[in-house]
């Protein structure tokens, strides 16, 4: 009996996870006015709290996240707008969500990521979960050979990992992820690894439960994992790091080949898989 209890204790210690952040944009959460802060782009803060344990902005390793509204145009709101709005959910109840809109692109890289800057002491393992909704006519908006990025991370100079929805020449949507070195323009482009999934549908105009996990490593124990509504889309094992630590984590981002909008809700961040290693936390109608 004692050995059994010790095994249970060891198992719990081995697979334990700590909650780093949780919020659903309910009453008490608000957006500051955008500000250039002396830079060439606009910045915007999410503030406040809708629970007793966590408040915006998201802070990990003593660094705070903020919107990086990348447009040089003024007034900026003709191009990018973030809003916390009230919707009616499937149960008929009111619910507050984040609505991100790219109204017009003044450059190909016009985008609206919510970025967590790190201080070099990177979070080796991270699990990110949130609800995401794309427009109901996403395939028509993206068009043939279109794309959007909904989450990524970057180092200063040797690595990026990015999650996409792609549209093929027939406007069929599919999931795609890769690791590459696009963070620097003065070196030859290299795609380190890639995966795609055309079997699990990309929902249009419906909420999806997005779960992202990575383990940063230069060795074979590196991992990248994505699940959507409980279905595992990618489960890559291999190197997920070159030499440098993560500089920016785009926890969620609004970035596409065309003007685009999306909705975000129910954000959670953990330092490991919270429901078991490689297990989804999704519960239908939860």
C-alpha atoms as a PDB file:
ATOM      1  CA  UNK A   1       0.000   0.000   0.000  1.00  0.00           C
ATOM      2  CA  UNK A   2       2.814   2.391   0.889  1.00  0.00           C
ATOM      3  CA  UNK A   3       4.563   1.662  -2.428  1.00  0.00           C
ATOM      4  CA  UNK A   4       1.292   2.316  -4.281  1.00  0.00           C
ATOM      5  CA  UNK A   5       0.857   5.698  -2.566  1.00  0.00           C
ATOM      6  CA  UNK A   6       4.464   6.626  -3.325  1.00  0.00           C
ATOM      7  CA  UNK A   7       3.892   5.761  -6.984  1.00  0.00           C
ATOM      8  CA  UNK A   8       0.792   7.986  -7.064  1.00  0.00           C
ATOM      9  CA  UNK A   9       2.737  10.822  -5.441  1.00  0.00           C
ATOM     10  CA  UNK A  10       5.585  10.395  -7.933  1.00  0.00           C
ATOM     11  CA  UNK A  11       3.126  10.364 -10.851  1.00  0.00           C
ATOM     12  CA  UNK A  12       1.437  13.562  -9.655  1.00  0.00           C
ATOM     13  CA  UNK A  13       4.774  15.300  -9.200  1.00  0.00           C
ATOM     14  CA  UNK A  14       5.972  14.189 -12.638  1.00  0.00           C
ATOM     15  CA  UNK A  15       2.879  15.345 -14.498  1.00  0.00           C
ATOM     16  CA  UNK A  16       1.748  18.295 -12.406  1.00  0.00           C
ATOM     17  CA  UNK A  17       0.966  21.637 -14.014  1.00  0.00           C
ATOM     18  CA  UNK A  18       0.563  25.125 -12.576  1.00  0.00           C
ATOM     19  CA  UNK A  19      -2.001  27.629 -13.820  1.00  0.00           C
ATOM     20  CA  UNK A  20      -0.231  30.843 -14.856  1.00  0.00           C
ATOM     21  CA  UNK A  21      -3.205  32.865 -16.095  1.00  0.00           C
ATOM     22  CA  UNK A  22      -6.971  32.675 -16.651  1.00  0.00           C
ATOM     23  CA  UNK A  23      -9.586  35.175 -17.858  1.00  0.00           C
ATOM     24  CA  UNK A  24     -12.731  35.382 -19.992  1.00  0.00           C
ATOM     25  CA  UNK A  25     -13.006  39.175 -20.625  1.00  0.00           C
ATOM     26  CA  UNK A  26     -15.984  39.458 -18.295  1.00  0.00           C
ATOM     27  CA  UNK A  27     -16.900  42.501 -16.180  1.00  0.00           C
ATOM     28  CA  UNK A  28     -13.798  44.177 -14.792  1.00  0.00           C
ATOM     29  CA  UNK A  29     -11.634  43.658 -17.900  1.00  0.00           C
ATOM     30  CA  UNK A  30     -11.132  46.650 -20.204  1.00  0.00           C
ATOM     31  CA  UNK A  31      -8.926  48.049 -22.966  1.00  0.00           C
ATOM     32  CA  UNK A  32      -6.689  51.100 -22.585  1.00  0.00           C
ATOM     33  CA  UNK A  33      -6.552  53.596 -25.427  1.00  0.00           C
ATOM     34  CA  UNK A  34      -3.860  52.758 -28.021  1.00  0.00           C
ATOM     35  CA  UNK A  35      -0.573  54.657 -27.758  1.00  0.00           C
ATOM     36  CA  UNK A  36       2.507  54.884 -29.992  1.00  0.00           C
ATOM     37  CA  UNK A  37       4.860  55.132 -26.982  1.00  0.00           C
ATOM     38  CA  UNK A  38       7.482  56.820 -29.111  1.00  0.00           C
ATOM     39  CA  UNK A  39       7.647  53.961 -31.625  1.00  0.00           C
ATOM     40  CA  UNK A  40       6.539  53.656 -35.241  1.00  0.00           C
ATOM     41  CA  UNK A  41       3.653  51.328 -34.381  1.00  0.00           C
ATOM     42  CA  UNK A  42       0.682  51.421 -32.010  1.00  0.00           C
ATOM     43  CA  UNK A  43       0.458  49.602 -28.668  1.00  0.00           C
ATOM     44  CA  UNK A  44      -2.591  48.766 -26.564  1.00  0.00           C
ATOM     45  CA  UNK A  45      -3.029  47.250 -23.102  1.00  0.00           C
ATOM     46  CA  UNK A  46      -5.696  44.915 -21.715  1.00  0.00           C
ATOM     47  CA  UNK A  47      -6.299  45.807 -18.051  1.00  0.00           C
ATOM     48  CA  UNK A  48      -8.392  44.693 -15.116  1.00  0.00           C
ATOM     49  CA  UNK A  49      -9.643  41.361 -13.820  1.00  0.00           C
ATOM     50  CA  UNK A  50     -12.730  39.150 -13.888  1.00  0.00           C
ATOM     51  CA  UNK A  51     -11.548  36.729 -11.195  1.00  0.00           C
ATOM     52  CA  UNK A  52      -9.734  36.810  -7.844  1.00  0.00           C
ATOM     53  CA  UNK A  53      -6.540  35.095  -8.982  1.00  0.00           C
ATOM     54  CA  UNK A  54      -5.316  36.828 -12.141  1.00  0.00           C
ATOM     55  CA  UNK A  55      -5.425  40.228 -13.778  1.00  0.00           C
ATOM     56  CA  UNK A  56      -4.465  41.624 -17.169  1.00  0.00           C
ATOM     57  CA  UNK A  57      -1.947  42.156 -18.624  1.00  0.00           C
ATOM     58  CA  UNK A  58      -0.671  38.584 -18.831  1.00  0.00           C
ATOM     59  CA  UNK A  59       2.668  38.428 -17.016  1.00  0.00           C
ATOM     60  CA  UNK A  60       5.134  35.532 -17.246  1.00  0.00           C
ATOM     61  CA  UNK A  61       8.758  35.804 -16.084  1.00  0.00           C
ATOM     62  CA  UNK A  62       8.102  39.412 -14.968  1.00  0.00           C
ATOM     63  CA  UNK A  63       7.293  40.548 -18.506  1.00  0.00           C
ATOM     64  CA  UNK A  64       3.899  41.981 -19.502  1.00  0.00           C
ATOM     65  CA  UNK A  65       1.976  41.289 -22.717  1.00  0.00           C
ATOM     66  CA  UNK A  66       0.349  43.947 -24.904  1.00  0.00           C
ATOM     67  CA  UNK A  67      -1.148  44.397 -28.348  1.00  0.00           C
ATOM     68  CA  UNK A  68       1.345  45.304 -31.045  1.00  0.00           C
ATOM     69  CA  UNK A  69      -0.813  47.067 -33.641  1.00  0.00           C
ATOM     70  CA  UNK A  70       1.462  47.119 -36.657  1.00  0.00           C
ATOM     71  CA  UNK A  71       0.400  49.937 -38.946  1.00  0.00           C
ATOM     72  CA  UNK A  72       2.164  53.202 -39.710  1.00  0.00           C
ATOM     73  CA  UNK A  73      -1.057  54.949 -40.713  1.00  0.00           C
ATOM     74  CA  UNK A  74      -2.832  57.570 -38.649  1.00  0.00           C
ATOM     75  CA  UNK A  75      -5.538  57.550 -37.494  1.00  0.00           C
ATOM     76  CA  UNK A  76      -4.772  53.910 -36.699  1.00  0.00           C
ATOM     77  CA  UNK A  77      -8.436  53.002 -36.095  1.00  0.00           C
ATOM     78  CA  UNK A  78      -9.063  53.158 -39.825  1.00  0.00           C
ATOM     79  CA  UNK A  79      -6.874  50.068 -40.066  1.00  0.00           C
ATOM     80  CA  UNK A  80      -6.902  48.105 -36.786  1.00  0.00           C
ATOM     81  CA  UNK A  81      -9.388  47.973 -33.919  1.00  0.00           C
ATOM     82  CA  UNK A  82      -9.678  45.872 -30.757  1.00  0.00           C
ATOM     83  CA  UNK A  83     -12.905  45.846 -28.763  1.00  0.00           C
ATOM     84  CA  UNK A  84     -14.359  43.920 -25.835  1.00  0.00           C
ATOM     85  CA  UNK A  85     -17.950  43.359 -26.892  1.00  0.00           C
ATOM     86  CA  UNK A  86     -21.000  41.575 -25.503  1.00  0.00           C
ATOM     87  CA  UNK A  87     -22.454  38.693 -27.489  1.00  0.00           C
ATOM     88  CA  UNK A  88     -25.250  36.183 -26.903  1.00  0.00           C
ATOM     89  CA  UNK A  89     -23.832  32.655 -26.575  1.00  0.00           C
ATOM     90  CA  UNK A  90     -25.478  29.388 -27.626  1.00  0.00           C
ATOM     91  CA  UNK A  91     -27.291  29.135 -24.271  1.00  0.00           C
ATOM     92  CA  UNK A  92     -28.883  32.555 -24.740  1.00  0.00           C
ATOM     93  CA  UNK A  93     -26.685  34.155 -22.076  1.00  0.00           C
ATOM     94  CA  UNK A  94     -24.658  37.338 -22.482  1.00  0.00           C
ATOM     95  CA  UNK A  95     -20.919  36.865 -22.779  1.00  0.00           C
ATOM     96  CA  UNK A  96     -18.048  39.355 -23.178  1.00  0.00           C
ATOM     97  CA  UNK A  97     -15.385  38.512 -25.761  1.00  0.00           C
ATOM     98  CA  UNK A  98     -12.434  40.167 -27.465  1.00  0.00           C
ATOM     99  CA  UNK A  99     -13.108  41.219 -31.063  1.00  0.00           C
ATOM    100  CA  UNK A 100     -10.029  41.954 -33.227  1.00  0.00           C
ATOM    101  CA  UNK A 101     -10.448  43.613 -36.621  1.00  0.00           C
ATOM    102  CA  UNK A 102      -7.968  44.391 -39.388  1.00  0.00           C
ATOM    103  CA  UNK A 103     -10.046  46.812 -41.461  1.00  0.00           C
ATOM    104  CA  UNK A 104      -7.399  47.570 -44.063  1.00  0.00           C
ATOM    105  CA  UNK A 105      -3.770  46.572 -44.644  1.00  0.00           C
ATOM    106  CA  UNK A 106      -1.361  49.422 -45.295  1.00  0.00           C
ATOM    107  CA  UNK A 107       1.531  46.930 -45.588  1.00  0.00           C
ATOM    108  CA  UNK A 108       1.665  43.161 -46.191  1.00  0.00           C
ATOM    109  CA  UNK A 109       2.726  42.771 -42.531  1.00  0.00           C
ATOM    110  CA  UNK A 110      -0.143  44.803 -41.018  1.00  0.00           C
ATOM    111  CA  UNK A 111      -1.208  42.693 -38.020  1.00  0.00           C
ATOM    112  CA  UNK A 112      -2.553  42.770 -34.463  1.00  0.00           C
ATOM    113  CA  UNK A 113      -0.772  40.258 -32.180  1.00  0.00           C
ATOM    114  CA  UNK A 114      -1.103  40.094 -28.392  1.00  0.00           C
ATOM    115  CA  UNK A 115       2.594  39.783 -27.591  1.00  0.00           C
ATOM    116  CA  UNK A 116       4.369  38.599 -24.456  1.00  0.00           C
ATOM    117  CA  UNK A 117       7.971  39.770 -24.455  1.00  0.00           C
ATOM    118  CA  UNK A 118      10.382  37.528 -22.565  1.00  0.00           C
ATOM    119  CA  UNK A 119      13.592  38.384 -20.729  1.00  0.00           C
ATOM    120  CA  UNK A 120      15.826  35.554 -21.961  1.00  0.00           C
ATOM    121  CA  UNK A 121      14.789  33.191 -19.146  1.00  0.00           C
ATOM    122  CA  UNK A 122      12.302  31.394 -21.351  1.00  0.00           C
ATOM    123  CA  UNK A 123       9.417  29.214 -20.283  1.00  0.00           C
ATOM    124  CA  UNK A 124      10.629  25.884 -21.670  1.00  0.00           C
ATOM    125  CA  UNK A 125       7.176  24.279 -21.549  1.00  0.00           C
ATOM    126  CA  UNK A 126       3.969  26.205 -22.138  1.00  0.00           C
ATOM    127  CA  UNK A 127       0.327  25.236 -22.657  1.00  0.00           C
ATOM    128  CA  UNK A 128      -2.026  27.875 -24.080  1.00  0.00           C
ATOM    129  CA  UNK A 129      -5.776  27.430 -24.382  1.00  0.00           C
ATOM    130  CA  UNK A 130      -8.452  29.798 -25.669  1.00  0.00           C
ATOM    131  CA  UNK A 131     -11.696  29.947 -27.606  1.00  0.00           C
ATOM    132  CA  UNK A 132     -11.376  31.239 -31.168  1.00  0.00           C
ATOM    133  CA  UNK A 133     -13.936  32.143 -33.818  1.00  0.00           C
ATOM    134  CA  UNK A 134     -13.223  33.068 -37.429  1.00  0.00           C
ATOM    135  CA  UNK A 135     -15.706  34.786 -39.791  1.00  0.00           C
ATOM    136  CA  UNK A 136     -18.407  32.529 -41.235  1.00  0.00           C
ATOM    137  CA  UNK A 137     -17.117  33.097 -44.775  1.00  0.00           C
ATOM    138  CA  UNK A 138     -13.415  32.680 -43.995  1.00  0.00           C
ATOM    139  CA  UNK A 139     -12.613  30.655 -47.122  1.00  0.00           C
ATOM    140  CA  UNK A 140     -14.079  33.368 -49.350  1.00  0.00           C
ATOM    141  CA  UNK A 141     -12.230  36.102 -47.450  1.00  0.00           C
ATOM    142  CA  UNK A 142      -8.841  34.385 -47.711  1.00  0.00           C
ATOM    143  CA  UNK A 143      -9.425  33.340 -51.321  1.00  0.00           C
ATOM    144  CA  UNK A 144      -7.300  30.848 -53.305  1.00  0.00           C
ATOM    145  CA  UNK A 145      -3.853  30.267 -51.776  1.00  0.00           C
ATOM    146  CA  UNK A 146      -4.684  32.566 -48.845  1.00  0.00           C
ATOM    147  CA  UNK A 147      -3.401  32.264 -45.296  1.00  0.00           C
ATOM    148  CA  UNK A 148      -3.758  33.506 -41.754  1.00  0.00           C
ATOM    149  CA  UNK A 149      -1.551  33.161 -38.680  1.00  0.00           C
ATOM    150  CA  UNK A 150      -3.260  32.729 -35.305  1.00  0.00           C
ATOM    151  CA  UNK A 151      -0.339  32.069 -32.921  1.00  0.00           C
ATOM    152  CA  UNK A 152       3.470  32.064 -33.049  1.00  0.00           C
ATOM    153  CA  UNK A 153       6.700  32.689 -31.179  1.00  0.00           C
ATOM    154  CA  UNK A 154      10.043  34.166 -32.258  1.00  0.00           C
ATOM    155  CA  UNK A 155      13.620  34.484 -31.091  1.00  0.00           C
ATOM    156  CA  UNK A 156      15.769  37.495 -31.904  1.00  0.00           C
ATOM    157  CA  UNK A 157      17.535  35.848 -34.787  1.00  0.00           C
ATOM    158  CA  UNK A 158      17.329  32.094 -35.394  1.00  0.00           C
ATOM    159  CA  UNK A 159      13.861  30.605 -34.906  1.00  0.00           C
ATOM    160  CA  UNK A 160      10.143  31.153 -35.396  1.00  0.00           C
ATOM    161  CA  UNK A 161       7.308  28.715 -34.830  1.00  0.00           C
ATOM    162  CA  UNK A 162       4.007  29.698 -36.460  1.00  0.00           C
ATOM    163  CA  UNK A 163       0.491  28.250 -36.657  1.00  0.00           C
ATOM    164  CA  UNK A 164      -1.597  28.883 -39.774  1.00  0.00           C
ATOM    165  CA  UNK A 165      -4.852  28.251 -41.527  1.00  0.00           C
ATOM    166  CA  UNK A 166      -4.158  27.930 -45.261  1.00  0.00           C
ATOM    167  CA  UNK A 167      -6.578  28.100 -48.160  1.00  0.00           C
ATOM    168  CA  UNK A 168      -5.645  25.990 -51.197  1.00  0.00           C
ATOM    169  CA  UNK A 169      -6.266  26.895 -54.840  1.00  0.00           C
ATOM    170  CA  UNK A 170      -9.856  25.640 -54.475  1.00  0.00           C
ATOM    171  CA  UNK A 171     -10.350  27.665 -51.249  1.00  0.00           C
ATOM    172  CA  UNK A 172     -10.405  24.557 -49.064  1.00  0.00           C
ATOM    173  CA  UNK A 173      -9.109  25.409 -45.580  1.00  0.00           C
ATOM    174  CA  UNK A 174      -6.498  23.359 -43.717  1.00  0.00           C
ATOM    175  CA  UNK A 175      -4.130  23.571 -40.727  1.00  0.00           C
ATOM    176  CA  UNK A 176      -0.371  24.143 -41.065  1.00  0.00           C
ATOM    177  CA  UNK A 177       2.555  24.618 -38.665  1.00  0.00           C
ATOM    178  CA  UNK A 178       6.288  24.979 -39.140  1.00  0.00           C
ATOM    179  CA  UNK A 179       9.542  26.080 -37.580  1.00  0.00           C
ATOM    180  CA  UNK A 180      11.649  28.425 -39.710  1.00  0.00           C
ATOM    181  CA  UNK A 181      14.168  31.286 -39.546  1.00  0.00           C
ATOM    182  CA  UNK A 182      12.078  34.111 -41.032  1.00  0.00           C
ATOM    183  CA  UNK A 183      12.875  36.308 -37.998  1.00  0.00           C
ATOM    184  CA  UNK A 184      15.904  37.724 -39.853  1.00  0.00           C
ATOM    185  CA  UNK A 185      15.887  38.979 -43.444  1.00  0.00           C
ATOM    186  CA  UNK A 186      19.660  38.972 -44.034  1.00  0.00           C
ATOM    187  CA  UNK A 187      20.120  35.174 -44.008  1.00  0.00           C
ATOM    188  CA  UNK A 188      18.911  32.538 -46.507  1.00  0.00           C
ATOM    189  CA  UNK A 189      15.437  31.286 -45.677  1.00  0.00           C
ATOM    190  CA  UNK A 190      15.252  27.836 -44.085  1.00  0.00           C
ATOM    191  CA  UNK A 191      12.222  25.826 -43.031  1.00  0.00           C
ATOM    192  CA  UNK A 192      13.405  23.467 -40.292  1.00  0.00           C
ATOM    193  CA  UNK A 193      10.260  21.316 -40.131  1.00  0.00           C
ATOM    194  CA  UNK A 194       6.600  21.459 -41.154  1.00  0.00           C
ATOM    195  CA  UNK A 195       3.318  19.627 -40.695  1.00  0.00           C
ATOM    196  CA  UNK A 196      -0.145  20.023 -42.243  1.00  0.00           C
ATOM    197  CA  UNK A 197      -3.554  18.557 -41.473  1.00  0.00           C
ATOM    198  CA  UNK A 198      -6.346  18.451 -44.057  1.00  0.00           C
ATOM    199  CA  UNK A 199      -8.465  15.883 -42.181  1.00  0.00           C
ATOM    200  CA  UNK A 200      -9.792  18.040 -39.325  1.00  0.00           C
ATOM    201  CA  UNK A 201     -12.083  20.831 -40.506  1.00  0.00           C
ATOM    202  CA  UNK A 202     -11.376  24.512 -39.920  1.00  0.00           C
ATOM    203  CA  UNK A 203     -14.688  25.828 -38.620  1.00  0.00           C
ATOM    204  CA  UNK A 204     -16.104  29.023 -40.113  1.00  0.00           C
ATOM    205  CA  UNK A 205     -18.328  31.247 -37.978  1.00  0.00           C
ATOM    206  CA  UNK A 206     -18.262  28.838 -35.016  1.00  0.00           C
ATOM    207  CA  UNK A 207     -16.299  28.819 -31.773  1.00  0.00           C
ATOM    208  CA  UNK A 208     -13.367  26.423 -31.548  1.00  0.00           C
ATOM    209  CA  UNK A 209     -11.411  25.322 -28.483  1.00  0.00           C
ATOM    210  CA  UNK A 210      -7.722  25.846 -29.289  1.00  0.00           C
ATOM    211  CA  UNK A 211      -5.029  24.073 -27.221  1.00  0.00           C
ATOM    212  CA  UNK A 212      -1.322  24.655 -27.932  1.00  0.00           C
ATOM    213  CA  UNK A 213       1.619  23.039 -26.182  1.00  0.00           C
ATOM    214  CA  UNK A 214       5.337  23.221 -26.782  1.00  0.00           C
ATOM    215  CA  UNK A 215       8.489  21.911 -25.186  1.00  0.00           C
ATOM    216  CA  UNK A 216      11.503  23.978 -26.277  1.00  0.00           C
ATOM    217  CA  UNK A 217      14.551  21.796 -26.883  1.00  0.00           C
ATOM    218  CA  UNK A 218      17.387  21.390 -29.364  1.00  0.00           C
ATOM    219  CA  UNK A 219      17.094  17.623 -28.978  1.00  0.00           C
ATOM    220  CA  UNK A 220      14.534  14.996 -29.957  1.00  0.00           C
ATOM    221  CA  UNK A 221      12.538  15.611 -26.774  1.00  0.00           C
ATOM    222  CA  UNK A 222      11.296  18.904 -28.242  1.00  0.00           C
ATOM    223  CA  UNK A 223       7.575  18.864 -28.919  1.00  0.00           C
ATOM    224  CA  UNK A 224       4.828  20.855 -30.554  1.00  0.00           C
ATOM    225  CA  UNK A 225       1.197  19.831 -30.063  1.00  0.00           C
ATOM    226  CA  UNK A 226      -2.090  21.375 -31.220  1.00  0.00           C
ATOM    227  CA  UNK A 227      -5.644  20.228 -30.527  1.00  0.00           C
ATOM    228  CA  UNK A 228      -8.887  21.776 -31.788  1.00  0.00           C
ATOM    229  CA  UNK A 229     -12.133  20.814 -30.040  1.00  0.00           C
ATOM    230  CA  UNK A 230     -10.273  17.862 -28.536  1.00  0.00           C
ATOM    231  CA  UNK A 231      -8.956  16.497 -31.848  1.00  0.00           C
ATOM    232  CA  UNK A 232      -5.168  16.384 -32.079  1.00  0.00           C
ATOM    233  CA  UNK A 233      -4.104  18.293 -35.195  1.00  0.00           C
ATOM    234  CA  UNK A 234      -0.321  18.094 -34.780  1.00  0.00           C
ATOM    235  CA  UNK A 235       1.934  16.131 -32.452  1.00  0.00           C
ATOM    236  CA  UNK A 236       5.480  16.861 -33.619  1.00  0.00           C
ATOM    237  CA  UNK A 237       8.521  15.493 -31.797  1.00  0.00           C
ATOM    238  CA  UNK A 238      11.972  16.855 -32.602  1.00  0.00           C
ATOM    239  CA  UNK A 239      14.059  19.983 -32.268  1.00  0.00           C
ATOM    240  CA  UNK A 240      12.024  23.129 -31.544  1.00  0.00           C
ATOM    241  CA  UNK A 241      14.978  25.376 -30.809  1.00  0.00           C
ATOM    242  CA  UNK A 242      18.291  26.488 -32.309  1.00  0.00           C
ATOM    243  CA  UNK A 243      20.428  28.506 -29.878  1.00  0.00           C
ATOM    244  CA  UNK A 244      18.499  31.586 -28.795  1.00  0.00           C
ATOM    245  CA  UNK A 245      15.737  31.918 -26.203  1.00  0.00           C
ATOM    246  CA  UNK A 246      12.236  33.057 -27.179  1.00  0.00           C
ATOM    247  CA  UNK A 247      11.954  36.842 -27.463  1.00  0.00           C
ATOM    248  CA  UNK A 248       8.264  37.234 -28.347  1.00  0.00           C
ATOM    249  CA  UNK A 249       5.261  34.969 -27.818  1.00  0.00           C
ATOM    250  CA  UNK A 250       2.252  35.958 -29.918  1.00  0.00           C
ATOM    251  CA  UNK A 251      -0.282  34.228 -27.670  1.00  0.00           C
ATOM    252  CA  UNK A 252      -2.960  34.985 -30.243  1.00  0.00           C
ATOM    253  CA  UNK A 253      -2.655  37.148 -33.313  1.00  0.00           C
ATOM    254  CA  UNK A 254      -4.812  38.589 -36.090  1.00  0.00           C
ATOM    255  CA  UNK A 255      -2.669  38.418 -39.239  1.00  0.00           C
ATOM    256  CA  UNK A 256      -3.570  37.344 -42.779  1.00  0.00           C
ATOM    257  CA  UNK A 257      -2.956  38.024 -46.447  1.00  0.00           C
ATOM    258  CA  UNK A 258      -6.131  40.161 -46.454  1.00  0.00           C
ATOM    259  CA  UNK A 259      -8.077  42.289 -43.929  1.00  0.00           C
ATOM    260  CA  UNK A 260      -9.536  39.875 -41.363  1.00  0.00           C
ATOM    261  CA  UNK A 261     -11.415  39.728 -38.055  1.00  0.00           C
ATOM    262  CA  UNK A 262     -11.644  37.171 -35.261  1.00  0.00           C
ATOM    263  CA  UNK A 263     -13.028  36.675 -31.754  1.00  0.00           C
ATOM    264  CA  UNK A 264     -11.159  35.414 -28.654  1.00  0.00           C
ATOM    265  CA  UNK A 265     -12.445  34.203 -25.248  1.00  0.00           C
ATOM    266  CA  UNK A 266     -11.640  31.930 -22.276  1.00  0.00           C
ATOM    267  CA  UNK A 267      -7.864  32.361 -22.131  1.00  0.00           C
ATOM    268  CA  UNK A 268      -5.808  29.935 -20.000  1.00  0.00           C
ATOM    269  CA  UNK A 269      -2.039  29.491 -19.726  1.00  0.00           C
ATOM    270  CA  UNK A 270      -0.293  26.640 -17.866  1.00  0.00           C
ATOM    271  CA  UNK A 271       3.334  25.586 -17.487  1.00  0.00           C
ATOM    272  CA  UNK A 272       2.558  22.041 -18.699  1.00  0.00           C
ATOM    273  CA  UNK A 273      -0.326  19.887 -19.912  1.00  0.00           C
ATOM    274  CA  UNK A 274      -3.001  20.385 -17.214  1.00  0.00           C
ATOM    275  CA  UNK A 275      -5.121  17.314 -18.049  1.00  0.00           C
ATOM    276  CA  UNK A 276      -2.363  14.738 -18.532  1.00  0.00           C
ATOM    277  CA  UNK A 277       0.644  14.634 -20.845  1.00  0.00           C
ATOM    278  CA  UNK A 278      -0.575  14.735 -24.452  1.00  0.00           C
ATOM    279  CA  UNK A 279      -4.208  14.888 -23.310  1.00  0.00           C
ATOM    280  CA  UNK A 280      -6.770  17.462 -24.380  1.00  0.00           C
ATOM    281  CA  UNK A 281      -8.780  19.310 -21.727  1.00  0.00           C
ATOM    282  CA  UNK A 282     -11.725  19.770 -24.108  1.00  0.00           C
ATOM    283  CA  UNK A 283     -15.132  18.721 -22.861  1.00  0.00           C
ATOM    284  CA  UNK A 284     -18.021  19.214 -25.262  1.00  0.00           C
ATOM    285  CA  UNK A 285     -20.662  21.663 -23.971  1.00  0.00           C
ATOM    286  CA  UNK A 286     -18.556  22.390 -20.859  1.00  0.00           C
END
